[in-house]
Amino acid sequence: MNTSTNTNSVLDDFSKWKEFLGHKVDQAHSVGMSDTQIEEAAVKLGHYLADRIDPENPQERLLKQMWEASPPEDQKVLARCMVNLVEQEPTTH
């Protein structure tokens, strides 16, 4: 998967971003990843996005500010909250 192309397009719209993340969480579950492994991957993704991607919308700017203002244990909670959010919403396959 070419993440640079996909990431740029999904970050334009927060709904697209949540759908994209939801698909990735579904895929992780389908290959047998545990909730802990998914959470660890979400934290790594959070670091990547905060360090390398400019926010494209107000929701992403807020998440970036919250991420950067938080100590590591709180970043883990933020990552888990995002996973929880997308797990609650139906995804289209």
C-alpha atoms as a PDB file:
ATOM      1  CA  MET A   1       0.000   0.000   0.000  1.00  0.00           C
ATOM      2  CA  ASN A   2       1.257   3.427  -0.872  1.00  0.00           C
ATOM      3  CA  THR A   3       0.619   5.255   2.390  1.00  0.00           C
ATOM      4  CA  SER A   4       1.825   8.630   1.189  1.00  0.00           C
ATOM      5  CA  THR A   5      -0.869   8.890  -1.474  1.00  0.00           C
ATOM      6  CA  ASN A   6      -3.586   7.365   0.703  1.00  0.00           C
ATOM      7  CA  THR A   7      -2.604   9.356   3.772  1.00  0.00           C
ATOM      8  CA  ASN A   8      -2.663  12.686   1.942  1.00  0.00           C
ATOM      9  CA  SER A   9      -6.166  12.092   0.590  1.00  0.00           C
ATOM     10  CA  VAL A  10      -7.646  10.731   3.843  1.00  0.00           C
ATOM     11  CA  LEU A  11      -6.221  13.554   5.922  1.00  0.00           C
ATOM     12  CA  ASP A  12      -8.120  16.162   3.907  1.00  0.00           C
ATOM     13  CA  ASP A  13     -11.383  15.182   5.591  1.00  0.00           C
ATOM     14  CA  PHE A  14     -11.753  13.939   9.168  1.00  0.00           C
ATOM     15  CA  SER A  15     -14.569  11.548   8.218  1.00  0.00           C
ATOM     16  CA  LYS A  16     -12.320   9.960   5.588  1.00  0.00           C
ATOM     17  CA  TRP A  17      -9.532   9.717   8.173  1.00  0.00           C
ATOM     18  CA  LYS A  18     -11.819   7.927  10.640  1.00  0.00           C
ATOM     19  CA  GLU A  19     -12.999   5.554   7.909  1.00  0.00           C
ATOM     20  CA  PHE A  20      -9.399   4.851   6.864  1.00  0.00           C
ATOM     21  CA  LEU A  21      -8.373   4.199  10.467  1.00  0.00           C
ATOM     22  CA  GLY A  22     -11.444   2.013  11.000  1.00  0.00           C
ATOM     23  CA  HIS A  23     -10.460  -0.151   8.024  1.00  0.00           C
ATOM     24  CA  LYS A  24      -6.944  -0.512   9.400  1.00  0.00           C
ATOM     25  CA  VAL A  25      -8.252  -1.512  12.845  1.00  0.00           C
ATOM     26  CA  ASP A  26     -10.590  -4.064  11.202  1.00  0.00           C
ATOM     27  CA  GLN A  27      -7.647  -5.459   9.213  1.00  0.00           C
ATOM     28  CA  ALA A  28      -5.516  -5.671  12.351  1.00  0.00           C
ATOM     29  CA  HIS A  29      -8.246  -7.622  14.152  1.00  0.00           C
ATOM     30  CA  SER A  30      -8.717  -9.933  11.155  1.00  0.00           C
ATOM     31  CA  VAL A  31      -5.040 -10.935  11.176  1.00  0.00           C
ATOM     32  CA  GLY A  32      -5.165 -11.656  14.888  1.00  0.00           C
ATOM     33  CA  MET A  33      -3.585  -8.558  16.408  1.00  0.00           C
ATOM     34  CA  SER A  34      -4.465  -8.061  20.048  1.00  0.00           C
ATOM     35  CA  ASP A  35      -5.944  -4.851  21.425  1.00  0.00           C
ATOM     36  CA  THR A  36      -2.561  -4.128  23.018  1.00  0.00           C
ATOM     37  CA  GLN A  37      -0.778  -4.511  19.680  1.00  0.00           C
ATOM     38  CA  ILE A  38      -3.330  -2.278  17.973  1.00  0.00           C
ATOM     39  CA  GLU A  39      -2.906   0.320  20.699  1.00  0.00           C
ATOM     40  CA  GLU A  40       0.887   0.225  20.290  1.00  0.00           C
ATOM     41  CA  ALA A  41       0.500   0.688  16.530  1.00  0.00           C
ATOM     42  CA  ALA A  42      -1.902   3.598  17.124  1.00  0.00           C
ATOM     43  CA  VAL A  43       0.657   5.287  19.393  1.00  0.00           C
ATOM     44  CA  LYS A  44       3.346   4.889  16.710  1.00  0.00           C
ATOM     45  CA  LEU A  45       0.954   6.336  14.137  1.00  0.00           C
ATOM     46  CA  GLY A  46       0.198   9.233  16.487  1.00  0.00           C
ATOM     47  CA  HIS A  47       3.912  10.014  16.795  1.00  0.00           C
ATOM     48  CA  TYR A  48       4.360   9.805  13.031  1.00  0.00           C
ATOM     49  CA  LEU A  49       1.427  12.110  12.312  1.00  0.00           C
ATOM     50  CA  ALA A  50       2.420  14.636  14.987  1.00  0.00           C
ATOM     51  CA  ASP A  51       6.029  14.730  13.755  1.00  0.00           C
ATOM     52  CA  ARG A  52       5.592  14.632   9.989  1.00  0.00           C
ATOM     53  CA  ILE A  53       2.105  15.595   8.846  1.00  0.00           C
ATOM     54  CA  ASP A  54       0.594  19.080   8.890  1.00  0.00           C
ATOM     55  CA  PRO A  55      -3.007  19.014  10.129  1.00  0.00           C
ATOM     56  CA  GLU A  56      -5.506  19.462   7.296  1.00  0.00           C
ATOM     57  CA  ASN A  57      -8.575  20.389   9.333  1.00  0.00           C
ATOM     58  CA  PRO A  58      -9.603  21.693  12.783  1.00  0.00           C
ATOM     59  CA  GLN A  59     -10.071  18.208  14.243  1.00  0.00           C
ATOM     60  CA  GLU A  60      -6.570  17.171  13.269  1.00  0.00           C
ATOM     61  CA  ARG A  61      -5.112  20.421  14.613  1.00  0.00           C
ATOM     62  CA  LEU A  62      -6.807  19.775  17.956  1.00  0.00           C
ATOM     63  CA  LEU A  63      -5.568  16.173  18.081  1.00  0.00           C
ATOM     64  CA  LYS A  64      -2.027  17.326  17.273  1.00  0.00           C
ATOM     65  CA  GLN A  65      -2.144  19.973  20.020  1.00  0.00           C
ATOM     66  CA  MET A  66      -3.484  17.434  22.515  1.00  0.00           C
ATOM     67  CA  TRP A  67      -0.828  14.891  21.462  1.00  0.00           C
ATOM     68  CA  GLU A  68       2.019  17.364  21.785  1.00  0.00           C
ATOM     69  CA  ALA A  69       0.785  18.634  25.177  1.00  0.00           C
ATOM     70  CA  SER A  70       0.469  15.120  26.611  1.00  0.00           C
ATOM     71  CA  PRO A  71       3.002  12.930  28.393  1.00  0.00           C
ATOM     72  CA  PRO A  72       3.496   9.412  26.946  1.00  0.00           C
ATOM     73  CA  GLU A  73       0.893   7.745  29.172  1.00  0.00           C
ATOM     74  CA  ASP A  74      -1.738  10.257  28.035  1.00  0.00           C
ATOM     75  CA  GLN A  75      -0.723   9.823  24.383  1.00  0.00           C
ATOM     76  CA  LYS A  76      -1.467   6.123  24.839  1.00  0.00           C
ATOM     77  CA  VAL A  77      -4.945   7.045  26.125  1.00  0.00           C
ATOM     78  CA  LEU A  78      -5.508   9.398  23.160  1.00  0.00           C
ATOM     79  CA  ALA A  79      -4.495   6.639  20.748  1.00  0.00           C
ATOM     80  CA  ARG A  80      -6.849   4.199  22.459  1.00  0.00           C
ATOM     81  CA  CYS A  81      -9.669   6.770  22.305  1.00  0.00           C
ATOM     82  CA  MET A  82      -9.215   7.099  18.539  1.00  0.00           C
ATOM     83  CA  VAL A  83      -9.315   3.313  18.165  1.00  0.00           C
ATOM     84  CA  ASN A  84     -12.451   3.189  20.320  1.00  0.00           C
ATOM     85  CA  LEU A  85     -14.049   5.919  18.194  1.00  0.00           C
ATOM     86  CA  VAL A  86     -13.519   4.103  14.914  1.00  0.00           C
ATOM     87  CA  GLU A  87     -14.511   0.726  16.340  1.00  0.00           C
ATOM     88  CA  GLN A  88     -17.934   2.159  17.212  1.00  0.00           C
ATOM     89  CA  GLU A  89     -18.607   3.401  13.695  1.00  0.00           C
ATOM     90  CA  PRO A  90     -19.559   1.027  10.898  1.00  0.00           C
ATOM     91  CA  THR A  91     -17.063   0.876   8.048  1.00  0.00           C
ATOM     92  CA  THR A  92     -17.758   0.220   4.394  1.00  0.00           C
ATOM     93  CA  HIS A  93     -15.694  -2.481   2.765  1.00  0.00           C
END
